């Protein structure tokens, strides 16, 4: 396993600790929200670092193409779920924000599985919309963990990019599937 994949694996393994901090948080245990923020920020840093290391050291691998987005999805989905109305924190994501984020990711994952089953290969590359979505989702989570009263401003931007990138990924997925059908019919 190369260093970039180890960094991605670290992010995946940090998710249960992040979730545990949010589950066991109470106002009397304020340090847990701070610890959750530190773990999340380490996850954000590792997200940028693993890609940078993989490109610079030419360590891109099939495992990395799965581990990196998997780490992002697990960290962000857990954050949106455990910082929703079930959270004991004062500032939290409304349920509809969590629903939009989780729905988009579920559709992308389901689409990737369908493409893989049909094509027997999966070429995963983030788009500019996907990168903007991830950035604003991460910023939103940080603001909620910091209990910033104006977090709604950022989560609205995150939701807009989430919807745009979701539509973009669905359209790309259909193009990939239709290209396969057209190739088989004419080939």
N, C-alpha and C. Protein backbone atom coordinates (compact mmCIF):
# COMPACT_ATOMS: atom_id res chain seq x y z
N UNK A 1 0.86 -1.17 0.00
CA UNK A 1 0.00 0.00 0.00
C UNK A 1 0.90 1.24 0.00
N UNK A 2 0.67 2.14 -0.96
CA UNK A 2 1.50 3.33 -1.04
C UNK A 2 1.06 4.38 -0.02
N UNK A 3 1.86 5.43 0.13
CA UNK A 3 1.61 6.45 1.16
C UNK A 3 0.29 7.19 0.93
N UNK A 4 -0.05 7.46 -0.33
CA UNK A 4 -1.31 8.15 -0.61
C UNK A 4 -2.50 7.30 -0.15
N UNK A 5 -2.45 6.00 -0.40
CA UNK A 5 -3.52 5.11 0.03
C UNK A 5 -3.57 4.98 1.55
N UNK A 6 -2.41 5.04 2.20
CA UNK A 6 -2.39 5.02 3.67
C UNK A 6 -3.06 6.26 4.24
N UNK A 7 -2.85 7.40 3.59
CA UNK A 7 -3.49 8.64 4.05
C UNK A 7 -5.01 8.52 3.90
N UNK A 8 -5.46 7.98 2.76
CA UNK A 8 -6.90 7.78 2.54
C UNK A 8 -7.47 6.81 3.57
N UNK A 9 -6.72 5.75 3.85
CA UNK A 9 -7.16 4.76 4.84
C UNK A 9 -7.26 5.40 6.23
N UNK A 10 -6.32 6.29 6.56
CA UNK A 10 -6.39 7.02 7.83
C UNK A 10 -7.70 7.78 7.92
N UNK A 11 -8.10 8.44 6.83
CA UNK A 11 -9.34 9.21 6.83
C UNK A 11 -10.54 8.29 7.08
N UNK A 12 -10.54 7.14 6.43
CA UNK A 12 -11.64 6.18 6.61
C UNK A 12 -11.68 5.69 8.06
N UNK A 13 -10.51 5.37 8.62
CA UNK A 13 -10.45 4.86 10.00
C UNK A 13 -10.76 5.93 11.04
N UNK A 14 -10.65 7.20 10.67
CA UNK A 14 -10.95 8.27 11.63
C UNK A 14 -12.45 8.50 11.80
N UNK A 15 -13.24 8.02 10.84
CA UNK A 15 -14.68 8.28 10.87
C UNK A 15 -15.36 7.75 12.14
N UNK A 16 -15.11 6.52 12.59
CA UNK A 16 -15.77 6.06 13.82
C UNK A 16 -15.43 6.92 15.05
N UNK A 17 -14.21 7.43 15.11
CA UNK A 17 -13.82 8.29 16.24
C UNK A 17 -14.55 9.63 16.16
N UNK A 18 -14.68 10.16 14.96
CA UNK A 18 -15.43 11.40 14.73
C UNK A 18 -16.88 11.22 15.16
N UNK A 19 -17.48 10.12 14.70
CA UNK A 19 -18.88 9.84 15.04
C UNK A 19 -19.05 9.65 16.55
N UNK A 20 -18.14 8.92 17.17
CA UNK A 20 -18.23 8.69 18.62
C UNK A 20 -18.20 10.01 19.39
N UNK A 21 -17.36 10.93 18.96
CA UNK A 21 -17.31 12.24 19.63
C UNK A 21 -18.65 12.95 19.55
N UNK A 22 -19.31 12.85 18.39
CA UNK A 22 -20.61 13.52 18.23
C UNK A 22 -21.71 12.80 19.00
N UNK A 23 -21.66 11.48 19.05
CA UNK A 23 -22.68 10.72 19.77
C UNK A 23 -22.60 10.97 21.27
N UNK A 24 -21.39 10.99 21.81
CA UNK A 24 -21.21 11.11 23.26
C UNK A 24 -21.08 12.55 23.74
N UNK A 25 -21.19 13.50 22.82
CA UNK A 25 -21.11 14.91 23.21
C UNK A 25 -22.30 15.29 24.11
N UNK A 26 -22.00 16.05 25.12
CA UNK A 26 -23.01 16.75 25.93
C UNK A 26 -22.40 18.10 26.28
N UNK A 27 -23.21 19.06 26.67
CA UNK A 27 -22.63 20.36 27.06
C UNK A 27 -21.58 20.23 28.18
N UNK A 28 -21.73 19.21 29.02
CA UNK A 28 -20.75 18.99 30.09
C UNK A 28 -19.44 18.42 29.53
N UNK A 29 -19.52 17.80 28.37
CA UNK A 29 -18.32 17.24 27.72
C UNK A 29 -18.01 18.03 26.44
N UNK A 30 -17.85 19.31 26.61
CA UNK A 30 -17.60 20.22 25.48
C UNK A 30 -16.36 19.81 24.68
N UNK A 31 -15.38 19.22 25.35
CA UNK A 31 -14.14 18.82 24.68
C UNK A 31 -14.41 17.85 23.52
N UNK A 32 -15.53 17.11 23.58
CA UNK A 32 -15.82 16.16 22.51
C UNK A 32 -16.16 16.85 21.19
N UNK A 33 -16.82 18.00 21.26
CA UNK A 33 -17.10 18.73 20.00
C UNK A 33 -15.80 19.30 19.44
N UNK A 34 -14.90 19.72 20.32
CA UNK A 34 -13.59 20.21 19.87
C UNK A 34 -12.78 19.07 19.25
N UNK A 35 -12.82 17.90 19.89
CA UNK A 35 -12.12 16.74 19.36
C UNK A 35 -12.71 16.32 18.00
N UNK A 36 -14.04 16.37 17.88
CA UNK A 36 -14.69 16.07 16.60
C UNK A 36 -14.21 17.04 15.52
N UNK A 37 -14.09 18.31 15.87
CA UNK A 37 -13.59 19.31 14.91
C UNK A 37 -12.15 19.00 14.50
N UNK A 38 -11.31 18.65 15.46
CA UNK A 38 -9.91 18.32 15.15
C UNK A 38 -9.85 17.10 14.22
N UNK A 39 -10.62 16.07 14.53
CA UNK A 39 -10.63 14.86 13.69
C UNK A 39 -11.12 15.20 12.29
N UNK A 40 -12.18 16.00 12.21
CA UNK A 40 -12.72 16.38 10.90
C UNK A 40 -11.68 17.19 10.11
N UNK A 41 -11.03 18.14 10.76
CA UNK A 41 -10.00 18.94 10.07
C UNK A 41 -8.84 18.08 9.60
N UNK A 42 -8.46 17.09 10.40
CA UNK A 42 -7.42 16.15 9.95
C UNK A 42 -7.90 15.38 8.72
N UNK A 43 -9.18 15.03 8.70
CA UNK A 43 -9.76 14.37 7.53
C UNK A 43 -9.73 15.27 6.30
N UNK A 44 -10.05 16.55 6.48
CA UNK A 44 -10.02 17.52 5.37
C UNK A 44 -8.59 17.67 4.85
N UNK A 45 -7.64 17.80 5.76
CA UNK A 45 -6.23 17.93 5.36
C UNK A 45 -5.77 16.67 4.64
N UNK A 46 -6.16 15.51 5.16
CA UNK A 46 -5.74 14.26 4.52
C UNK A 46 -6.35 14.12 3.13
N UNK A 47 -7.54 14.70 2.92
CA UNK A 47 -8.17 14.65 1.60
C UNK A 47 -7.33 15.38 0.56
N UNK A 48 -6.84 16.55 0.92
CA UNK A 48 -5.97 17.29 0.01
C UNK A 48 -4.60 16.64 -0.12
N UNK A 49 -4.10 16.13 0.99
CA UNK A 49 -2.75 15.57 1.02
C UNK A 49 -2.63 14.29 0.21
N UNK A 50 -3.62 13.39 0.31
CA UNK A 50 -3.48 12.12 -0.42
C UNK A 50 -3.47 12.33 -1.93
N UNK A 51 -4.30 13.24 -2.42
CA UNK A 51 -4.29 13.53 -3.85
C UNK A 51 -3.01 14.18 -4.30
N UNK A 52 -2.51 15.12 -3.49
CA UNK A 52 -1.25 15.81 -3.81
C UNK A 52 -0.09 14.81 -3.86
N UNK A 53 0.00 13.96 -2.85
CA UNK A 53 1.08 12.96 -2.79
C UNK A 53 0.97 12.00 -3.97
N UNK A 54 -0.23 11.55 -4.28
CA UNK A 54 -0.42 10.59 -5.38
C UNK A 54 0.02 11.20 -6.71
N UNK A 55 -0.32 12.47 -6.94
CA UNK A 55 0.06 13.11 -8.20
C UNK A 55 1.56 13.39 -8.27
N UNK A 56 2.11 13.97 -7.20
CA UNK A 56 3.53 14.36 -7.20
C UNK A 56 4.46 13.16 -7.27
N UNK A 57 4.13 12.11 -6.53
CA UNK A 57 5.00 10.93 -6.48
C UNK A 57 4.57 9.87 -7.51
N UNK A 58 3.59 10.23 -8.34
CA UNK A 58 3.07 9.31 -9.36
C UNK A 58 2.67 7.97 -8.73
N UNK A 59 1.87 8.08 -7.66
CA UNK A 59 1.43 6.89 -6.92
C UNK A 59 -0.06 6.62 -7.13
N UNK A 60 -0.61 7.11 -8.23
CA UNK A 60 -2.03 6.89 -8.47
C UNK A 60 -2.27 5.40 -8.73
N UNK A 61 -3.31 4.88 -8.09
CA UNK A 61 -3.58 3.45 -8.20
C UNK A 61 -5.09 3.21 -8.25
N UNK A 62 -5.48 1.99 -8.64
CA UNK A 62 -6.90 1.64 -8.65
C UNK A 62 -7.46 1.69 -7.24
N UNK A 63 -6.67 1.24 -6.28
CA UNK A 63 -7.12 1.29 -4.88
C UNK A 63 -7.35 2.74 -4.45
N UNK A 64 -6.47 3.63 -4.84
CA UNK A 64 -6.60 5.04 -4.50
C UNK A 64 -7.84 5.66 -5.12
N UNK A 65 -8.20 5.21 -6.33
CA UNK A 65 -9.41 5.72 -6.99
C UNK A 65 -10.67 5.35 -6.24
N UNK A 66 -10.60 4.31 -5.41
CA UNK A 66 -11.74 3.90 -4.60
C UNK A 66 -11.62 4.46 -3.18
N UNK A 67 -10.42 4.35 -2.58
CA UNK A 67 -10.23 4.76 -1.18
C UNK A 67 -10.46 6.26 -0.97
N UNK A 68 -9.96 7.09 -1.87
CA UNK A 68 -10.08 8.55 -1.69
C UNK A 68 -11.54 9.00 -1.68
N UNK A 69 -12.33 8.69 -2.72
CA UNK A 69 -13.73 9.13 -2.65
C UNK A 69 -14.53 8.43 -1.55
N UNK A 70 -14.16 7.17 -1.25
CA UNK A 70 -14.84 6.46 -0.16
C UNK A 70 -14.61 7.19 1.17
N UNK A 71 -13.37 7.61 1.41
CA UNK A 71 -13.06 8.35 2.62
C UNK A 71 -13.84 9.65 2.70
N UNK A 72 -13.92 10.36 1.57
CA UNK A 72 -14.69 11.62 1.53
C UNK A 72 -16.16 11.37 1.85
N UNK A 73 -16.72 10.37 1.17
CA UNK A 73 -18.16 10.08 1.35
C UNK A 73 -18.46 9.67 2.79
N UNK A 74 -17.63 8.79 3.36
CA UNK A 74 -17.88 8.34 4.73
C UNK A 74 -17.78 9.49 5.72
N UNK A 75 -16.74 10.31 5.57
CA UNK A 75 -16.55 11.42 6.51
C UNK A 75 -17.68 12.44 6.38
N UNK A 76 -18.01 12.83 5.16
CA UNK A 76 -19.05 13.85 4.97
C UNK A 76 -20.45 13.32 5.30
N UNK A 77 -20.75 12.11 4.87
CA UNK A 77 -22.08 11.57 5.18
C UNK A 77 -22.27 11.42 6.68
N UNK A 78 -21.24 10.95 7.39
CA UNK A 78 -21.35 10.84 8.85
C UNK A 78 -21.54 12.21 9.48
N UNK A 79 -20.81 13.20 8.98
CA UNK A 79 -20.92 14.55 9.53
C UNK A 79 -22.35 15.08 9.35
N UNK A 80 -22.89 14.94 8.15
CA UNK A 80 -24.24 15.47 7.91
C UNK A 80 -25.29 14.69 8.69
N UNK A 81 -25.10 13.40 8.87
CA UNK A 81 -26.06 12.61 9.64
C UNK A 81 -25.99 12.97 11.13
N UNK A 82 -24.79 13.00 11.68
CA UNK A 82 -24.65 13.20 13.13
C UNK A 82 -24.63 14.66 13.56
N UNK A 83 -24.68 15.58 12.59
CA UNK A 83 -24.85 17.00 12.91
C UNK A 83 -26.23 17.49 12.45
N UNK A 84 -27.15 16.55 12.30
CA UNK A 84 -28.53 16.86 11.91
C UNK A 84 -29.37 17.01 13.18
N UNK A 85 -30.68 17.00 13.07
CA UNK A 85 -31.51 17.17 14.27
C UNK A 85 -31.24 16.19 15.41
N UNK A 86 -30.57 15.06 15.15
CA UNK A 86 -30.26 14.14 16.25
C UNK A 86 -29.11 14.66 17.13
N UNK A 87 -28.41 15.67 16.64
CA UNK A 87 -27.27 16.22 17.37
C UNK A 87 -27.71 16.98 18.62
N UNK A 88 -26.83 16.97 19.62
CA UNK A 88 -27.09 17.71 20.86
C UNK A 88 -26.50 19.13 20.78
N UNK A 89 -25.84 19.45 19.68
CA UNK A 89 -25.27 20.79 19.50
C UNK A 89 -26.40 21.78 19.21
N UNK A 90 -26.17 23.05 19.53
CA UNK A 90 -27.20 24.08 19.31
C UNK A 90 -27.39 24.35 17.82
N UNK A 91 -26.29 24.53 17.08
CA UNK A 91 -26.36 24.77 15.63
C UNK A 91 -26.19 23.41 14.96
N UNK A 92 -27.15 23.05 14.11
CA UNK A 92 -27.11 21.76 13.43
C UNK A 92 -27.74 21.89 12.05
N UNK A 93 -27.46 20.92 11.20
CA UNK A 93 -28.05 20.93 9.86
C UNK A 93 -29.53 20.58 9.94
N UNK A 94 -30.35 21.30 9.20
CA UNK A 94 -31.75 20.87 9.12
C UNK A 94 -31.83 19.52 8.40
N UNK A 95 -32.86 18.78 8.66
CA UNK A 95 -33.01 17.45 8.07
C UNK A 95 -32.99 17.49 6.54
N UNK A 96 -33.58 18.53 5.95
CA UNK A 96 -33.63 18.61 4.49
C UNK A 96 -32.24 18.75 3.88
N UNK A 97 -31.33 19.42 4.56
CA UNK A 97 -29.94 19.56 4.06
C UNK A 97 -29.28 18.18 4.07
N UNK A 98 -29.42 17.48 5.18
CA UNK A 98 -28.85 16.13 5.29
C UNK A 98 -29.45 15.22 4.22
N UNK A 99 -30.74 15.31 4.01
CA UNK A 99 -31.42 14.48 3.01
C UNK A 99 -30.85 14.73 1.60
N UNK A 100 -30.66 15.99 1.24
CA UNK A 100 -30.13 16.32 -0.09
C UNK A 100 -28.71 15.78 -0.26
N UNK A 101 -27.87 15.98 0.75
CA UNK A 101 -26.48 15.51 0.67
C UNK A 101 -26.42 13.98 0.56
N UNK A 102 -27.16 13.29 1.42
CA UNK A 102 -27.15 11.82 1.43
C UNK A 102 -27.77 11.28 0.14
N UNK A 103 -28.84 11.88 -0.32
CA UNK A 103 -29.50 11.41 -1.55
C UNK A 103 -28.56 11.52 -2.74
N UNK A 104 -27.87 12.63 -2.88
CA UNK A 104 -26.93 12.81 -3.99
C UNK A 104 -25.86 11.72 -3.96
N UNK A 105 -25.28 11.52 -2.78
CA UNK A 105 -24.21 10.52 -2.67
C UNK A 105 -24.73 9.11 -2.94
N UNK A 106 -25.93 8.81 -2.46
CA UNK A 106 -26.52 7.49 -2.71
C UNK A 106 -26.76 7.28 -4.21
N UNK A 107 -27.25 8.31 -4.89
CA UNK A 107 -27.49 8.22 -6.34
C UNK A 107 -26.17 8.03 -7.08
N UNK A 108 -25.14 8.76 -6.68
CA UNK A 108 -23.82 8.63 -7.33
C UNK A 108 -23.27 7.22 -7.12
N UNK A 109 -23.36 6.71 -5.90
CA UNK A 109 -22.85 5.37 -5.61
C UNK A 109 -23.64 4.31 -6.38
N UNK A 110 -24.96 4.43 -6.38
CA UNK A 110 -25.79 3.49 -7.12
C UNK A 110 -25.47 3.55 -8.62
N UNK A 111 -25.31 4.75 -9.16
CA UNK A 111 -24.95 4.91 -10.57
C UNK A 111 -23.61 4.29 -10.89
N UNK A 112 -22.64 4.46 -10.00
CA UNK A 112 -21.32 3.87 -10.21
C UNK A 112 -21.40 2.35 -10.23
N UNK A 113 -22.22 1.79 -9.34
CA UNK A 113 -22.39 0.34 -9.30
C UNK A 113 -23.02 -0.15 -10.61
N UNK A 114 -24.06 0.54 -11.08
CA UNK A 114 -24.72 0.16 -12.33
C UNK A 114 -23.73 0.22 -13.50
N UNK A 115 -22.97 1.32 -13.58
CA UNK A 115 -21.98 1.46 -14.66
C UNK A 115 -20.94 0.34 -14.57
N UNK A 116 -20.49 0.04 -13.36
CA UNK A 116 -19.50 -1.03 -13.20
C UNK A 116 -20.08 -2.39 -13.62
N UNK A 117 -21.31 -2.66 -13.24
CA UNK A 117 -21.93 -3.94 -13.60
C UNK A 117 -22.11 -4.07 -15.11
N UNK A 118 -22.45 -2.96 -15.77
CA UNK A 118 -22.66 -3.00 -17.22
C UNK A 118 -21.33 -2.99 -17.96
N UNK A 119 -20.42 -2.15 -17.53
CA UNK A 119 -19.16 -1.92 -18.26
C UNK A 119 -18.02 -2.83 -17.78
N UNK A 120 -18.12 -3.36 -16.58
CA UNK A 120 -17.06 -4.15 -15.94
C UNK A 120 -15.80 -3.32 -15.71
N UNK A 121 -15.97 -2.02 -15.64
CA UNK A 121 -14.87 -1.09 -15.37
C UNK A 121 -15.50 0.19 -14.85
N UNK A 122 -14.74 0.92 -14.06
CA UNK A 122 -15.25 2.18 -13.54
C UNK A 122 -14.13 3.19 -13.57
N UNK A 123 -14.34 4.25 -14.28
CA UNK A 123 -13.36 5.32 -14.41
C UNK A 123 -13.84 6.49 -13.56
N UNK A 124 -13.32 6.63 -12.35
CA UNK A 124 -13.79 7.63 -11.40
C UNK A 124 -12.88 8.86 -11.43
N UNK A 125 -13.48 9.97 -11.81
CA UNK A 125 -12.73 11.24 -11.79
C UNK A 125 -13.66 12.33 -11.30
N UNK A 126 -13.23 13.06 -10.28
CA UNK A 126 -14.08 14.14 -9.78
C UNK A 126 -14.18 15.27 -10.81
N UNK A 127 -15.34 15.92 -10.83
CA UNK A 127 -15.55 17.06 -11.72
C UNK A 127 -15.33 18.34 -10.94
N UNK A 128 -15.30 19.46 -11.64
CA UNK A 128 -15.16 20.75 -10.94
C UNK A 128 -16.35 20.97 -10.02
N UNK A 129 -17.56 20.54 -10.45
CA UNK A 129 -18.75 20.69 -9.60
C UNK A 129 -18.63 19.81 -8.36
N UNK A 130 -18.10 18.61 -8.54
CA UNK A 130 -17.91 17.71 -7.40
C UNK A 130 -16.91 18.26 -6.40
N UNK A 131 -15.84 18.87 -6.92
CA UNK A 131 -14.83 19.45 -6.03
C UNK A 131 -15.39 20.66 -5.27
N UNK A 132 -16.17 21.50 -5.97
CA UNK A 132 -16.81 22.64 -5.30
C UNK A 132 -17.80 22.16 -4.24
N UNK A 133 -18.54 21.11 -4.57
CA UNK A 133 -19.49 20.55 -3.61
C UNK A 133 -18.77 20.07 -2.36
N UNK A 134 -17.72 19.29 -2.55
CA UNK A 134 -16.96 18.77 -1.41
C UNK A 134 -16.41 19.90 -0.57
N UNK A 135 -15.86 20.92 -1.22
CA UNK A 135 -15.29 22.06 -0.50
C UNK A 135 -16.33 22.75 0.36
N UNK A 136 -17.49 23.05 -0.22
CA UNK A 136 -18.51 23.77 0.54
C UNK A 136 -19.20 22.89 1.57
N UNK A 137 -19.29 21.60 1.31
CA UNK A 137 -19.82 20.70 2.34
C UNK A 137 -18.87 20.66 3.53
N UNK A 138 -17.57 20.57 3.25
CA UNK A 138 -16.58 20.54 4.33
C UNK A 138 -16.60 21.85 5.13
N UNK A 139 -16.68 22.97 4.42
CA UNK A 139 -16.75 24.27 5.11
C UNK A 139 -18.01 24.36 5.97
N UNK A 140 -19.12 23.85 5.47
CA UNK A 140 -20.37 23.85 6.24
C UNK A 140 -20.24 23.05 7.52
N UNK A 141 -19.62 21.88 7.41
CA UNK A 141 -19.44 21.04 8.59
C UNK A 141 -18.56 21.75 9.62
N UNK A 142 -17.47 22.36 9.15
CA UNK A 142 -16.58 23.08 10.07
C UNK A 142 -17.35 24.19 10.78
N UNK A 143 -18.17 24.94 10.04
CA UNK A 143 -18.94 26.03 10.65
C UNK A 143 -19.94 25.52 11.68
N UNK A 144 -20.57 24.39 11.39
CA UNK A 144 -21.51 23.82 12.37
C UNK A 144 -20.75 23.33 13.59
N UNK A 145 -19.61 22.68 13.38
CA UNK A 145 -18.81 22.22 14.53
C UNK A 145 -18.31 23.40 15.37
N UNK A 146 -18.04 24.52 14.72
CA UNK A 146 -17.63 25.73 15.46
C UNK A 146 -18.83 26.45 16.08
N UNK A 147 -20.03 25.95 15.75
CA UNK A 147 -21.27 26.54 16.25
C UNK A 147 -21.44 27.99 15.78
N UNK A 148 -21.03 28.25 14.56
CA UNK A 148 -21.16 29.57 13.95
C UNK A 148 -22.63 29.81 13.66
N UNK A 149 -23.17 30.87 14.18
CA UNK A 149 -24.61 31.17 14.06
C UNK A 149 -25.04 31.37 12.61
N UNK A 150 -24.13 31.81 11.75
CA UNK A 150 -24.45 32.05 10.34
C UNK A 150 -24.08 30.86 9.45
N UNK A 151 -24.04 29.66 9.99
CA UNK A 151 -23.69 28.47 9.22
C UNK A 151 -24.64 28.25 8.05
N UNK A 152 -25.88 28.70 8.19
CA UNK A 152 -26.89 28.49 7.13
C UNK A 152 -26.43 29.08 5.80
N UNK A 153 -25.71 30.18 5.85
CA UNK A 153 -25.21 30.81 4.62
C UNK A 153 -24.37 29.80 3.82
N UNK A 154 -23.45 29.14 4.50
CA UNK A 154 -22.60 28.17 3.81
C UNK A 154 -23.33 26.90 3.44
N UNK A 155 -24.24 26.42 4.27
CA UNK A 155 -24.90 25.18 3.90
C UNK A 155 -25.85 25.39 2.72
N UNK A 156 -26.38 26.62 2.55
CA UNK A 156 -27.17 26.89 1.35
C UNK A 156 -26.30 26.80 0.10
N UNK A 157 -25.10 27.36 0.16
CA UNK A 157 -24.18 27.27 -0.98
C UNK A 157 -23.82 25.81 -1.23
N UNK A 158 -23.56 25.06 -0.16
CA UNK A 158 -23.24 23.63 -0.30
C UNK A 158 -24.39 22.87 -0.95
N UNK A 159 -25.62 23.18 -0.55
CA UNK A 159 -26.79 22.51 -1.12
C UNK A 159 -26.91 22.82 -2.61
N UNK A 160 -26.70 24.08 -2.99
CA UNK A 160 -26.79 24.45 -4.40
C UNK A 160 -25.76 23.67 -5.21
N UNK A 161 -24.51 23.63 -4.74
CA UNK A 161 -23.48 22.87 -5.46
C UNK A 161 -23.76 21.36 -5.42
N UNK A 162 -24.34 20.89 -4.33
CA UNK A 162 -24.69 19.47 -4.22
C UNK A 162 -25.70 19.09 -5.30
N UNK A 163 -26.71 19.92 -5.49
CA UNK A 163 -27.73 19.65 -6.51
C UNK A 163 -27.13 19.73 -7.91
N UNK A 164 -26.35 20.79 -8.18
CA UNK A 164 -25.74 20.96 -9.50
C UNK A 164 -24.82 19.79 -9.82
N UNK A 165 -23.95 19.42 -8.86
CA UNK A 165 -23.02 18.31 -9.13
C UNK A 165 -23.76 16.99 -9.25
N UNK A 166 -24.83 16.81 -8.49
CA UNK A 166 -25.62 15.59 -8.60
C UNK A 166 -26.21 15.45 -10.00
N UNK A 167 -26.78 16.52 -10.52
CA UNK A 167 -27.33 16.50 -11.88
C UNK A 167 -26.22 16.24 -12.88
N UNK A 168 -25.07 16.89 -12.69
CA UNK A 168 -23.94 16.70 -13.61
C UNK A 168 -23.47 15.24 -13.62
N UNK A 169 -23.33 14.63 -12.44
CA UNK A 169 -22.89 13.23 -12.37
C UNK A 169 -23.92 12.29 -13.00
N UNK A 170 -25.21 12.55 -12.79
CA UNK A 170 -26.25 11.71 -13.38
C UNK A 170 -26.19 11.82 -14.91
N UNK A 171 -26.04 13.04 -15.43
CA UNK A 171 -25.95 13.22 -16.89
C UNK A 171 -24.72 12.51 -17.45
N UNK A 172 -23.59 12.61 -16.77
CA UNK A 172 -22.38 11.90 -17.20
C UNK A 172 -22.57 10.39 -17.16
N UNK A 173 -23.26 9.92 -16.14
CA UNK A 173 -23.53 8.49 -16.02
C UNK A 173 -24.39 7.99 -17.17
N UNK A 174 -25.44 8.74 -17.50
CA UNK A 174 -26.28 8.34 -18.63
C UNK A 174 -25.51 8.36 -19.94
N UNK A 175 -24.65 9.37 -20.12
CA UNK A 175 -23.83 9.41 -21.34
C UNK A 175 -22.95 8.18 -21.44
N UNK A 176 -22.37 7.78 -20.32
CA UNK A 176 -21.52 6.58 -20.31
C UNK A 176 -22.34 5.34 -20.67
N UNK A 177 -23.52 5.20 -20.09
CA UNK A 177 -24.36 4.03 -20.39
C UNK A 177 -24.87 4.07 -21.83
N UNK A 178 -25.29 5.24 -22.30
CA UNK A 178 -25.78 5.34 -23.68
C UNK A 178 -24.67 5.10 -24.68
N UNK A 179 -23.47 5.54 -24.36
CA UNK A 179 -22.32 5.30 -25.24
C UNK A 179 -22.07 3.81 -25.35
N UNK A 180 -22.24 3.09 -24.27
CA UNK A 180 -22.07 1.63 -24.31
C UNK A 180 -23.14 0.99 -25.18
N UNK A 181 -24.41 1.44 -25.03
CA UNK A 181 -25.49 0.88 -25.83
C UNK A 181 -25.27 1.17 -27.31
N UNK A 182 -24.90 2.41 -27.64
CA UNK A 182 -24.67 2.79 -29.04
C UNK A 182 -23.50 2.01 -29.62
N UNK A 183 -22.46 1.81 -28.82
CA UNK A 183 -21.28 1.07 -29.30
C UNK A 183 -21.64 -0.38 -29.59
N UNK A 184 -22.45 -0.98 -28.74
CA UNK A 184 -22.83 -2.38 -28.93
C UNK A 184 -23.75 -2.56 -30.14
N UNK A 185 -24.65 -1.59 -30.37
CA UNK A 185 -25.58 -1.68 -31.49
C UNK A 185 -24.85 -1.49 -32.81
N UNK A 186 -23.96 -0.48 -32.87
CA UNK A 186 -23.27 -0.19 -34.14
C UNK A 186 -21.98 -0.99 -34.29
N UNK A 187 -21.40 -1.48 -33.19
CA UNK A 187 -20.12 -2.18 -33.22
C UNK A 187 -20.30 -3.57 -33.62
